[in-house]
Amino acid sequence: YAQSLTVTLQSAAEHLRPGNSLQAIILDGGIQPNNWQMIKESLADYPIQLSMIRPDPSVVDGLMTSHHITRTAYFRLLAGKLLPASIDRVIYLDSDLLI
């Protein structure tokens, strides 16, 4: 997912109005350090502020998971509780989109 996430963020940044920037908070469910480094390096020239939140997996203990519904899938549903209170609005984007 790291490569497709990078493409999604790059395409979003390319469509910003001049002078605007993008704050991207990644709810990390297991991005490997080398992939996180690749994402940061690939997006270094774009007006994107990247940060990562690694939620405690126990917040979804007891919820049904499967091949299609992973623990990480629940993180997006809990974004309002997982993201900092200072954030007023959120747009959730899957990592396989072009903007």
PDB file of N, CA and C in Angstrom:
ATOM      1  N   TYR A   1       0.802  -1.204   0.000  1.00  0.00           N
ATOM      2  CA  TYR A   1       0.000   0.000   0.000  1.00  0.00           C
ATOM      3  C   TYR A   1       0.845   1.269   0.000  1.00  0.00           C
ATOM      4  N   ALA A   2       2.099   1.173   0.371  1.00  0.00           N
ATOM      5  CA  ALA A   2       2.939   2.360   0.483  1.00  0.00           C
ATOM      6  C   ALA A   2       3.081   3.080  -0.852  1.00  0.00           C
ATOM      7  N   GLN A   3       3.285   2.334  -1.905  1.00  0.00           N
ATOM      8  CA  GLN A   3       3.455   2.959  -3.221  1.00  0.00           C
ATOM      9  C   GLN A   3       2.157   3.626  -3.675  1.00  0.00           C
ATOM     10  N   SER A   4       1.038   2.956  -3.513  1.00  0.00           N
ATOM     11  CA  SER A   4      -0.227   3.568  -3.939  1.00  0.00           C
ATOM     12  C   SER A   4      -0.585   4.751  -3.043  1.00  0.00           C
ATOM     13  N   LEU A   5      -0.259   4.698  -1.758  1.00  0.00           N
ATOM     14  CA  LEU A   5      -0.471   5.833  -0.871  1.00  0.00           C
ATOM     15  C   LEU A   5       0.327   7.041  -1.355  1.00  0.00           C
ATOM     16  N   THR A   6       1.550   6.800  -1.759  1.00  0.00           N
ATOM     17  CA  THR A   6       2.400   7.878  -2.272  1.00  0.00           C
ATOM     18  C   THR A   6       1.781   8.506  -3.514  1.00  0.00           C
ATOM     19  N   VAL A   7       1.268   7.698  -4.411  1.00  0.00           N
ATOM     20  CA  VAL A   7       0.628   8.211  -5.631  1.00  0.00           C
ATOM     21  C   VAL A   7      -0.616   9.028  -5.279  1.00  0.00           C
ATOM     22  N   THR A   8      -1.424   8.554  -4.337  1.00  0.00           N
ATOM     23  CA  THR A   8      -2.621   9.283  -3.916  1.00  0.00           C
ATOM     24  C   THR A   8      -2.247  10.651  -3.363  1.00  0.00           C
ATOM     25  N   LEU A   9      -1.270  10.694  -2.472  1.00  0.00           N
ATOM     26  CA  LEU A   9      -0.870  11.972  -1.874  1.00  0.00           C
ATOM     27  C   LEU A   9      -0.237  12.900  -2.905  1.00  0.00           C
ATOM     28  N   GLN A  10       0.562  12.352  -3.795  1.00  0.00           N
ATOM     29  CA  GLN A  10       1.164  13.171  -4.847  1.00  0.00           C
ATOM     30  C   GLN A  10       0.081  13.759  -5.746  1.00  0.00           C
ATOM     31  N   SER A  11      -0.900  12.973  -6.120  1.00  0.00           N
ATOM     32  CA  SER A  11      -1.951  13.485  -7.003  1.00  0.00           C
ATOM     33  C   SER A  11      -2.789  14.542  -6.287  1.00  0.00           C
ATOM     34  N   ALA A  12      -3.009  14.390  -4.983  1.00  0.00           N
ATOM     35  CA  ALA A  12      -3.732  15.410  -4.221  1.00  0.00           C
ATOM     36  C   ALA A  12      -2.929  16.705  -4.174  1.00  0.00           C
ATOM     37  N   ALA A  13      -1.637  16.595  -3.926  1.00  0.00           N
ATOM     38  CA  ALA A  13      -0.784  17.784  -3.844  1.00  0.00           C
ATOM     39  C   ALA A  13      -0.698  18.512  -5.183  1.00  0.00           C
ATOM     40  N   GLU A  14      -0.698  17.769  -6.261  1.00  0.00           N
ATOM     41  CA  GLU A  14      -0.604  18.391  -7.585  1.00  0.00           C
ATOM     42  C   GLU A  14      -1.852  19.195  -7.939  1.00  0.00           C
ATOM     43  N   HIS A  15      -2.951  18.967  -7.238  1.00  0.00           N
ATOM     44  CA  HIS A  15      -4.187  19.672  -7.539  1.00  0.00           C
ATOM     45  C   HIS A  15      -4.551  20.727  -6.500  1.00  0.00           C
ATOM     46  N   LEU A  16      -3.612  21.055  -5.637  1.00  0.00           N
ATOM     47  CA  LEU A  16      -3.836  22.134  -4.672  1.00  0.00           C
ATOM     48  C   LEU A  16      -3.736  23.476  -5.375  1.00  0.00           C
ATOM     49  N   ARG A  17      -4.470  24.428  -4.881  1.00  0.00           N
ATOM     50  CA  ARG A  17      -4.306  25.792  -5.393  1.00  0.00           C
ATOM     51  C   ARG A  17      -2.925  26.292  -4.990  1.00  0.00           C
ATOM     52  N   PRO A  18      -2.326  27.147  -5.816  1.00  0.00           N
ATOM     53  CA  PRO A  18      -0.998  27.677  -5.472  1.00  0.00           C
ATOM     54  C   PRO A  18      -1.012  28.320  -4.081  1.00  0.00           C
ATOM     55  N   GLY A  19       0.016  28.030  -3.311  1.00  0.00           N
ATOM     56  CA  GLY A  19       0.123  28.571  -1.966  1.00  0.00           C
ATOM     57  C   GLY A  19      -0.515  27.718  -0.884  1.00  0.00           C
ATOM     58  N   ASN A  20      -1.319  26.745  -1.265  1.00  0.00           N
ATOM     59  CA  ASN A  20      -1.943  25.853  -0.284  1.00  0.00           C
ATOM     60  C   ASN A  20      -1.048  24.652  -0.013  1.00  0.00           C
ATOM     61  N   SER A  21      -1.300  24.002   1.092  1.00  0.00           N
ATOM     62  CA  SER A  21      -0.556  22.799   1.421  1.00  0.00           C
ATOM     63  C   SER A  21      -1.526  21.757   1.963  1.00  0.00           C
ATOM     64  N   LEU A  22      -1.027  20.564   2.099  1.00  0.00           N
ATOM     65  CA  LEU A  22      -1.826  19.430   2.527  1.00  0.00           C
ATOM     66  C   LEU A  22      -1.228  18.871   3.816  1.00  0.00           C
ATOM     67  N   GLN A  23      -2.056  18.670   4.801  1.00  0.00           N
ATOM     68  CA  GLN A  23      -1.627  17.983   6.014  1.00  0.00           C
ATOM     69  C   GLN A  23      -2.163  16.568   5.926  1.00  0.00           C
ATOM     70  N   ALA A  24      -1.275  15.606   5.842  1.00  0.00           N
ATOM     71  CA  ALA A  24      -1.670  14.200   5.721  1.00  0.00           C
ATOM     72  C   ALA A  24      -1.258  13.465   6.983  1.00  0.00           C
ATOM     73  N   ILE A  25      -2.255  12.930   7.666  1.00  0.00           N
ATOM     74  CA  ILE A  25      -2.003  12.123   8.854  1.00  0.00           C
ATOM     75  C   ILE A  25      -2.328  10.681   8.483  1.00  0.00           C
ATOM     76  N   ILE A  26      -1.333   9.858   8.544  1.00  0.00           N
ATOM     77  CA  ILE A  26      -1.467   8.458   8.165  1.00  0.00           C
ATOM     78  C   ILE A  26      -1.793   7.651   9.420  1.00  0.00           C
ATOM     79  N   LEU A  27      -2.935   6.979   9.414  1.00  0.00           N
ATOM     80  CA  LEU A  27      -3.265   6.048  10.494  1.00  0.00           C
ATOM     81  C   LEU A  27      -2.583   4.730  10.150  1.00  0.00           C
ATOM     82  N   ASP A  28      -1.448   4.516  10.739  1.00  0.00           N
ATOM     83  CA  ASP A  28      -0.578   3.406  10.370  1.00  0.00           C
ATOM     84  C   ASP A  28      -1.000   2.106  11.031  1.00  0.00           C
ATOM     85  N   GLY A  29      -1.257   1.128  10.204  1.00  0.00           N
ATOM     86  CA  GLY A  29      -1.581  -0.200  10.706  1.00  0.00           C
ATOM     87  C   GLY A  29      -0.469  -1.188  10.469  1.00  0.00           C
ATOM     88  N   GLY A  30       0.720  -0.688  10.098  1.00  0.00           N
ATOM     89  CA  GLY A  30       1.840  -1.603   9.906  1.00  0.00           C
ATOM     90  C   GLY A  30       2.770  -1.237   8.769  1.00  0.00           C
ATOM     91  N   ILE A  31       2.933   0.052   8.476  1.00  0.00           N
ATOM     92  CA  ILE A  31       3.873   0.460   7.427  1.00  0.00           C
ATOM     93  C   ILE A  31       5.292   0.175   7.916  1.00  0.00           C
ATOM     94  N   GLN A  32       6.038  -0.530   7.120  1.00  0.00           N
ATOM     95  CA  GLN A  32       7.419  -0.850   7.465  1.00  0.00           C
ATOM     96  C   GLN A  32       8.278   0.418   7.405  1.00  0.00           C
ATOM     97  N   PRO A  33       9.287   0.528   8.269  1.00  0.00           N
ATOM     98  CA  PRO A  33      10.125   1.741   8.296  1.00  0.00           C
ATOM     99  C   PRO A  33      10.726   2.098   6.944  1.00  0.00           C
ATOM    100  N   ASN A  34      11.176   1.123   6.165  1.00  0.00           N
ATOM    101  CA  ASN A  34      11.748   1.434   4.855  1.00  0.00           C
ATOM    102  C   ASN A  34      10.688   1.984   3.903  1.00  0.00           C
ATOM    103  N   ASN A  35       9.455   1.505   4.009  1.00  0.00           N
ATOM    104  CA  ASN A  35       8.374   2.033   3.171  1.00  0.00           C
ATOM    105  C   ASN A  35       7.993   3.448   3.604  1.00  0.00           C
ATOM    106  N   TRP A  36       7.981   3.708   4.919  1.00  0.00           N
ATOM    107  CA  TRP A  36       7.680   5.049   5.415  1.00  0.00           C
ATOM    108  C   TRP A  36       8.747   6.033   4.913  1.00  0.00           C
ATOM    109  N   GLN A  37       9.995   5.606   4.927  1.00  0.00           N
ATOM    110  CA  GLN A  37      11.081   6.452   4.429  1.00  0.00           C
ATOM    111  C   GLN A  37      10.899   6.728   2.944  1.00  0.00           C
ATOM    112  N   MET A  38      10.512   5.720   2.175  1.00  0.00           N
ATOM    113  CA  MET A  38      10.280   5.896   0.741  1.00  0.00           C
ATOM    114  C   MET A  38       9.156   6.888   0.494  1.00  0.00           C
ATOM    115  N   ILE A  39       8.083   6.803   1.274  1.00  0.00           N
ATOM    116  CA  ILE A  39       6.962   7.728   1.137  1.00  0.00           C
ATOM    117  C   ILE A  39       7.444   9.155   1.382  1.00  0.00           C
ATOM    118  N   LYS A  40       8.166   9.370   2.478  1.00  0.00           N
ATOM    119  CA  LYS A  40       8.646  10.712   2.819  1.00  0.00           C
ATOM    120  C   LYS A  40       9.589  11.254   1.752  1.00  0.00           C
ATOM    121  N   GLU A  41      10.496  10.436   1.285  1.00  0.00           N
ATOM    122  CA  GLU A  41      11.447  10.876   0.255  1.00  0.00           C
ATOM    123  C   GLU A  41      10.743  11.192  -1.055  1.00  0.00           C
ATOM    124  N   SER A  42       9.773  10.375  -1.432  1.00  0.00           N
ATOM    125  CA  SER A  42       9.059  10.574  -2.699  1.00  0.00           C
ATOM    126  C   SER A  42       8.221  11.850  -2.693  1.00  0.00           C
ATOM    127  N   LEU A  43       7.773  12.261  -1.513  1.00  0.00           N
ATOM    128  CA  LEU A  43       6.893  13.428  -1.416  1.00  0.00           C
ATOM    129  C   LEU A  43       7.608  14.673  -0.907  1.00  0.00           C
ATOM    130  N   ALA A  44       8.919  14.606  -0.762  1.00  0.00           N
ATOM    131  CA  ALA A  44       9.689  15.707  -0.175  1.00  0.00           C
ATOM    132  C   ALA A  44       9.541  17.023  -0.938  1.00  0.00           C
ATOM    133  N   ASP A  45       9.332  16.977  -2.239  1.00  0.00           N
ATOM    134  CA  ASP A  45       9.240  18.197  -3.042  1.00  0.00           C
ATOM    135  C   ASP A  45       7.818  18.736  -3.175  1.00  0.00           C
ATOM    136  N   TYR A  46       6.874  18.139  -2.485  1.00  0.00           N
ATOM    137  CA  TYR A  46       5.473  18.559  -2.558  1.00  0.00           C
ATOM    138  C   TYR A  46       5.073  19.281  -1.268  1.00  0.00           C
ATOM    139  N   PRO A  47       4.074  20.166  -1.370  1.00  0.00           N
ATOM    140  CA  PRO A  47       3.631  20.901  -0.176  1.00  0.00           C
ATOM    141  C   PRO A  47       2.739  20.041   0.726  1.00  0.00           C
ATOM    142  N   ILE A  48       3.360  19.011   1.291  1.00  0.00           N
ATOM    143  CA  ILE A  48       2.631  18.061   2.133  1.00  0.00           C
ATOM    144  C   ILE A  48       3.338  17.964   3.480  1.00  0.00           C
ATOM    145  N   GLN A  49       2.579  18.133   4.521  1.00  0.00           N
ATOM    146  CA  GLN A  49       3.076  17.885   5.873  1.00  0.00           C
ATOM    147  C   GLN A  49       2.614  16.481   6.256  1.00  0.00           C
ATOM    148  N   LEU A  50       3.555  15.571   6.351  1.00  0.00           N
ATOM    149  CA  LEU A  50       3.241  14.174   6.654  1.00  0.00           C
ATOM    150  C   LEU A  50       3.442  13.884   8.132  1.00  0.00           C
ATOM    151  N   SER A  51       2.510  13.173   8.706  1.00  0.00           N
ATOM    152  CA  SER A  51       2.700  12.652  10.054  1.00  0.00           C
ATOM    153  C   SER A  51       2.005  11.304  10.143  1.00  0.00           C
ATOM    154  N   MET A  52       2.408  10.547  11.131  1.00  0.00           N
ATOM    155  CA  MET A  52       1.873   9.202  11.286  1.00  0.00           C
ATOM    156  C   MET A  52       1.349   9.027  12.706  1.00  0.00           C
ATOM    157  N   ILE A  53       0.200   8.409  12.797  1.00  0.00           N
ATOM    158  CA  ILE A  53      -0.326   7.985  14.083  1.00  0.00           C
ATOM    159  C   ILE A  53      -0.420   6.468  14.028  1.00  0.00           C
ATOM    160  N   ARG A  54       0.189   5.837  14.991  1.00  0.00           N
ATOM    161  CA  ARG A  54       0.144   4.383  15.069  1.00  0.00           C
ATOM    162  C   ARG A  54      -0.806   4.022  16.205  1.00  0.00           C
ATOM    163  N   PRO A  55      -2.089   3.806  15.886  1.00  0.00           N
ATOM    164  CA  PRO A  55      -3.067   3.515  16.931  1.00  0.00           C
ATOM    165  C   PRO A  55      -2.737   2.228  17.689  1.00  0.00           C
ATOM    166  N   ASP A  56      -3.144   2.213  18.929  1.00  0.00           N
ATOM    167  CA  ASP A  56      -3.014   1.014  19.753  1.00  0.00           C
ATOM    168  C   ASP A  56      -3.974  -0.036  19.188  1.00  0.00           C
ATOM    169  N   PRO A  57      -3.468  -1.156  18.713  1.00  0.00           N
ATOM    170  CA  PRO A  57      -4.345  -2.172  18.120  1.00  0.00           C
ATOM    171  C   PRO A  57      -5.425  -2.688  19.068  1.00  0.00           C
ATOM    172  N   SER A  58      -5.212  -2.532  20.355  1.00  0.00           N
ATOM    173  CA  SER A  58      -6.197  -3.044  21.305  1.00  0.00           C
ATOM    174  C   SER A  58      -7.512  -2.272  21.268  1.00  0.00           C
ATOM    175  N   VAL A  59      -7.524  -1.090  20.624  1.00  0.00           N
ATOM    176  CA  VAL A  59      -8.784  -0.330  20.554  1.00  0.00           C
ATOM    177  C   VAL A  59      -9.838  -1.063  19.737  1.00  0.00           C
ATOM    178  N   VAL A  60      -9.411  -2.036  18.942  1.00  0.00           N
ATOM    179  CA  VAL A  60     -10.376  -2.794  18.143  1.00  0.00           C
ATOM    180  C   VAL A  60     -10.452  -4.258  18.588  1.00  0.00           C
ATOM    181  N   ASP A  61      -9.888  -4.551  19.741  1.00  0.00           N
ATOM    182  CA  ASP A  61     -10.005  -5.910  20.271  1.00  0.00           C
ATOM    183  C   ASP A  61     -11.476  -6.285  20.407  1.00  0.00           C
ATOM    184  N   GLY A  62     -11.786  -7.484  20.053  1.00  0.00           N
ATOM    185  CA  GLY A  62     -13.150  -7.978  20.184  1.00  0.00           C
ATOM    186  C   GLY A  62     -14.014  -7.725  18.958  1.00  0.00           C
ATOM    187  N   LEU A  63     -13.530  -6.926  18.012  1.00  0.00           N
ATOM    188  CA  LEU A  63     -14.295  -6.683  16.787  1.00  0.00           C
ATOM    189  C   LEU A  63     -13.957  -7.758  15.760  1.00  0.00           C
ATOM    190  N   MET A  64     -14.941  -8.109  14.955  1.00  0.00           N
ATOM    191  CA  MET A  64     -14.753  -9.142  13.948  1.00  0.00           C
ATOM    192  C   MET A  64     -13.753  -8.671  12.889  1.00  0.00           C
ATOM    193  N   THR A  65     -12.818  -9.530  12.565  1.00  0.00           N
ATOM    194  CA  THR A  65     -11.893  -9.251  11.476  1.00  0.00           C
ATOM    195  C   THR A  65     -11.938 -10.409  10.485  1.00  0.00           C
ATOM    196  N   SER A  66     -11.521 -10.122   9.275  1.00  0.00           N
ATOM    197  CA  SER A  66     -11.456 -11.138   8.228  1.00  0.00           C
ATOM    198  C   SER A  66     -10.415 -10.689   7.220  1.00  0.00           C
ATOM    199  N   HIS A  67     -10.347 -11.404   6.118  1.00  0.00           N
ATOM    200  CA  HIS A  67      -9.426 -11.000   5.047  1.00  0.00           C
ATOM    201  C   HIS A  67      -9.789  -9.618   4.504  1.00  0.00           C
ATOM    202  N   HIS A  68     -11.077  -9.292   4.471  1.00  0.00           N
ATOM    203  CA  HIS A  68     -11.541  -8.028   3.909  1.00  0.00           C
ATOM    204  C   HIS A  68     -11.720  -6.931   4.957  1.00  0.00           C
ATOM    205  N   ILE A  69     -11.953  -7.304   6.186  1.00  0.00           N
ATOM    206  CA  ILE A  69     -12.139  -6.324   7.259  1.00  0.00           C
ATOM    207  C   ILE A  69     -11.029  -6.552   8.278  1.00  0.00           C
ATOM    208  N   THR A  70      -9.997  -5.746   8.151  1.00  0.00           N
ATOM    209  CA  THR A  70      -8.839  -5.895   9.017  1.00  0.00           C
ATOM    210  C   THR A  70      -8.948  -4.960  10.216  1.00  0.00           C
ATOM    211  N   ARG A  71      -8.056  -5.126  11.154  1.00  0.00           N
ATOM    212  CA  ARG A  71      -7.991  -4.200  12.293  1.00  0.00           C
ATOM    213  C   ARG A  71      -7.788  -2.777  11.785  1.00  0.00           C
ATOM    214  N   THR A  72      -6.942  -2.641  10.773  1.00  0.00           N
ATOM    215  CA  THR A  72      -6.651  -1.324  10.219  1.00  0.00           C
ATOM    216  C   THR A  72      -7.894  -0.686   9.610  1.00  0.00           C
ATOM    217  N   ALA A  73      -8.770  -1.476   9.036  1.00  0.00           N
ATOM    218  CA  ALA A  73     -10.006  -0.936   8.463  1.00  0.00           C
ATOM    219  C   ALA A  73     -10.843  -0.238   9.528  1.00  0.00           C
ATOM    220  N   TYR A  74     -10.808  -0.734  10.741  1.00  0.00           N
ATOM    221  CA  TYR A  74     -11.567  -0.099  11.816  1.00  0.00           C
ATOM    222  C   TYR A  74     -10.980   1.248  12.223  1.00  0.00           C
ATOM    223  N   PHE A  75      -9.677   1.435  12.017  1.00  0.00           N
ATOM    224  CA  PHE A  75      -9.056   2.700  12.403  1.00  0.00           C
ATOM    225  C   PHE A  75      -9.715   3.885  11.699  1.00  0.00           C
ATOM    226  N   ARG A  76     -10.080   3.717  10.428  1.00  0.00           N
ATOM    227  CA  ARG A  76     -10.708   4.833   9.708  1.00  0.00           C
ATOM    228  C   ARG A  76     -12.066   5.182  10.316  1.00  0.00           C
ATOM    229  N   LEU A  77     -12.766   4.176  10.822  1.00  0.00           N
ATOM    230  CA  LEU A  77     -14.059   4.437  11.462  1.00  0.00           C
ATOM    231  C   LEU A  77     -13.889   5.136  12.812  1.00  0.00           C
ATOM    232  N   LEU A  78     -12.738   4.953  13.403  1.00  0.00           N
ATOM    233  CA  LEU A  78     -12.447   5.557  14.701  1.00  0.00           C
ATOM    234  C   LEU A  78     -11.598   6.826  14.578  1.00  0.00           C
ATOM    235  N   ALA A  79     -11.471   7.348  13.382  1.00  0.00           N
ATOM    236  CA  ALA A  79     -10.598   8.506  13.142  1.00  0.00           C
ATOM    237  C   ALA A  79     -10.917   9.665  14.078  1.00  0.00           C
ATOM    238  N   GLY A  80     -12.185   9.908  14.340  1.00  0.00           N
ATOM    239  CA  GLY A  80     -12.560  11.007  15.227  1.00  0.00           C
ATOM    240  C   GLY A  80     -12.000  10.871  16.620  1.00  0.00           C
ATOM    241  N   LYS A  81     -11.763   9.650  17.059  1.00  0.00           N
ATOM    242  CA  LYS A  81     -11.189   9.408  18.383  1.00  0.00           C
ATOM    243  C   LYS A  81      -9.670   9.274  18.342  1.00  0.00           C
ATOM    244  N   LEU A  82      -9.127   8.900  17.194  1.00  0.00           N
ATOM    245  CA  LEU A  82      -7.692   8.650  17.082  1.00  0.00           C
ATOM    246  C   LEU A  82      -6.890   9.885  16.695  1.00  0.00           C
ATOM    247  N   LEU A  83      -7.530  10.807  15.995  1.00  0.00           N
ATOM    248  CA  LEU A  83      -6.830  12.013  15.544  1.00  0.00           C
ATOM    249  C   LEU A  83      -6.818  13.069  16.638  1.00  0.00           C
ATOM    250  N   PRO A  84      -5.848  13.982  16.589  1.00  0.00           N
ATOM    251  CA  PRO A  84      -5.791  15.052  17.595  1.00  0.00           C
ATOM    252  C   PRO A  84      -7.070  15.884  17.604  1.00  0.00           C
ATOM    253  N   ALA A  85      -7.467  16.336  18.782  1.00  0.00           N
ATOM    254  CA  ALA A  85      -8.686  17.129  18.937  1.00  0.00           C
ATOM    255  C   ALA A  85      -8.605  18.459  18.191  1.00  0.00           C
ATOM    256  N   SER A  86      -7.411  18.917  17.869  1.00  0.00           N
ATOM    257  CA  SER A  86      -7.243  20.194  17.172  1.00  0.00           C
ATOM    258  C   SER A  86      -7.683  20.141  15.710  1.00  0.00           C
ATOM    259  N   ILE A  87      -7.933  18.953  15.197  1.00  0.00           N
ATOM    260  CA  ILE A  87      -8.346  18.801  13.799  1.00  0.00           C
ATOM    261  C   ILE A  87      -9.855  18.982  13.708  1.00  0.00           C
ATOM    262  N   ASP A  88     -10.271  19.963  12.881  1.00  0.00           N
ATOM    263  CA  ASP A  88     -11.687  20.281  12.737  1.00  0.00           C
ATOM    264  C   ASP A  88     -12.392  19.443  11.675  1.00  0.00           C
ATOM    265  N   ARG A  89     -11.675  19.148  10.598  1.00  0.00           N
ATOM    266  CA  ARG A  89     -12.291  18.428   9.482  1.00  0.00           C
ATOM    267  C   ARG A  89     -11.336  17.370   8.957  1.00  0.00           C
ATOM    268  N   VAL A  90     -11.930  16.305   8.455  1.00  0.00           N
ATOM    269  CA  VAL A  90     -11.141  15.196   7.929  1.00  0.00           C
ATOM    270  C   VAL A  90     -11.747  14.754   6.611  1.00  0.00           C
ATOM    271  N   ILE A  91     -10.887  14.464   5.666  1.00  0.00           N
ATOM    272  CA  ILE A  91     -11.300  13.779   4.441  1.00  0.00           C
ATOM    273  C   ILE A  91     -10.520  12.475   4.432  1.00  0.00           C
ATOM    274  N   TYR A  92     -11.218  11.377   4.504  1.00  0.00           N
ATOM    275  CA  TYR A  92     -10.563  10.081   4.467  1.00  0.00           C
ATOM    276  C   TYR A  92     -10.382   9.686   3.010  1.00  0.00           C
ATOM    277  N   LEU A  93      -9.172   9.296   2.647  1.00  0.00           N
ATOM    278  CA  LEU A  93      -8.885   8.819   1.300  1.00  0.00           C
ATOM    279  C   LEU A  93      -8.287   7.425   1.388  1.00  0.00           C
ATOM    280  N   ASP A  94      -8.832   6.497   0.629  1.00  0.00           N
ATOM    281  CA  ASP A  94      -8.178   5.203   0.499  1.00  0.00           C
ATOM    282  C   ASP A  94      -6.840   5.428  -0.200  1.00  0.00           C
ATOM    283  N   SER A  95      -5.971   4.478  -0.063  1.00  0.00           N
ATOM    284  CA  SER A  95      -4.635   4.645  -0.633  1.00  0.00           C
ATOM    285  C   SER A  95      -4.550   4.222  -2.100  1.00  0.00           C
ATOM    286  N   ASP A  96      -5.691   4.026  -2.736  1.00  0.00           N
ATOM    287  CA  ASP A  96      -5.657   3.614  -4.148  1.00  0.00           C
ATOM    288  C   ASP A  96      -6.434   4.576  -5.036  1.00  0.00           C
ATOM    289  N   LEU A  97      -6.350   5.867  -4.703  1.00  0.00           N
ATOM    290  CA  LEU A  97      -7.100   6.875  -5.455  1.00  0.00           C
ATOM    291  C   LEU A  97      -6.179   7.809  -6.213  1.00  0.00           C
ATOM    292  N   LEU A  98      -6.666   8.320  -7.312  1.00  0.00           N
ATOM    293  CA  LEU A  98      -6.039   9.455  -7.984  1.00  0.00           C
ATOM    294  C   LEU A  98      -6.964  10.638  -7.802  1.00  0.00           C
ATOM    295  N   ILE A  99      -6.412  11.758  -7.439  1.00  0.00           N
ATOM    296  CA  ILE A  99      -7.203  12.965  -7.191  1.00  0.00           C
ATOM    297  C   ILE A  99      -7.225  13.825  -8.444  1.00  0.00           C
TER     298      ILE A  99
END
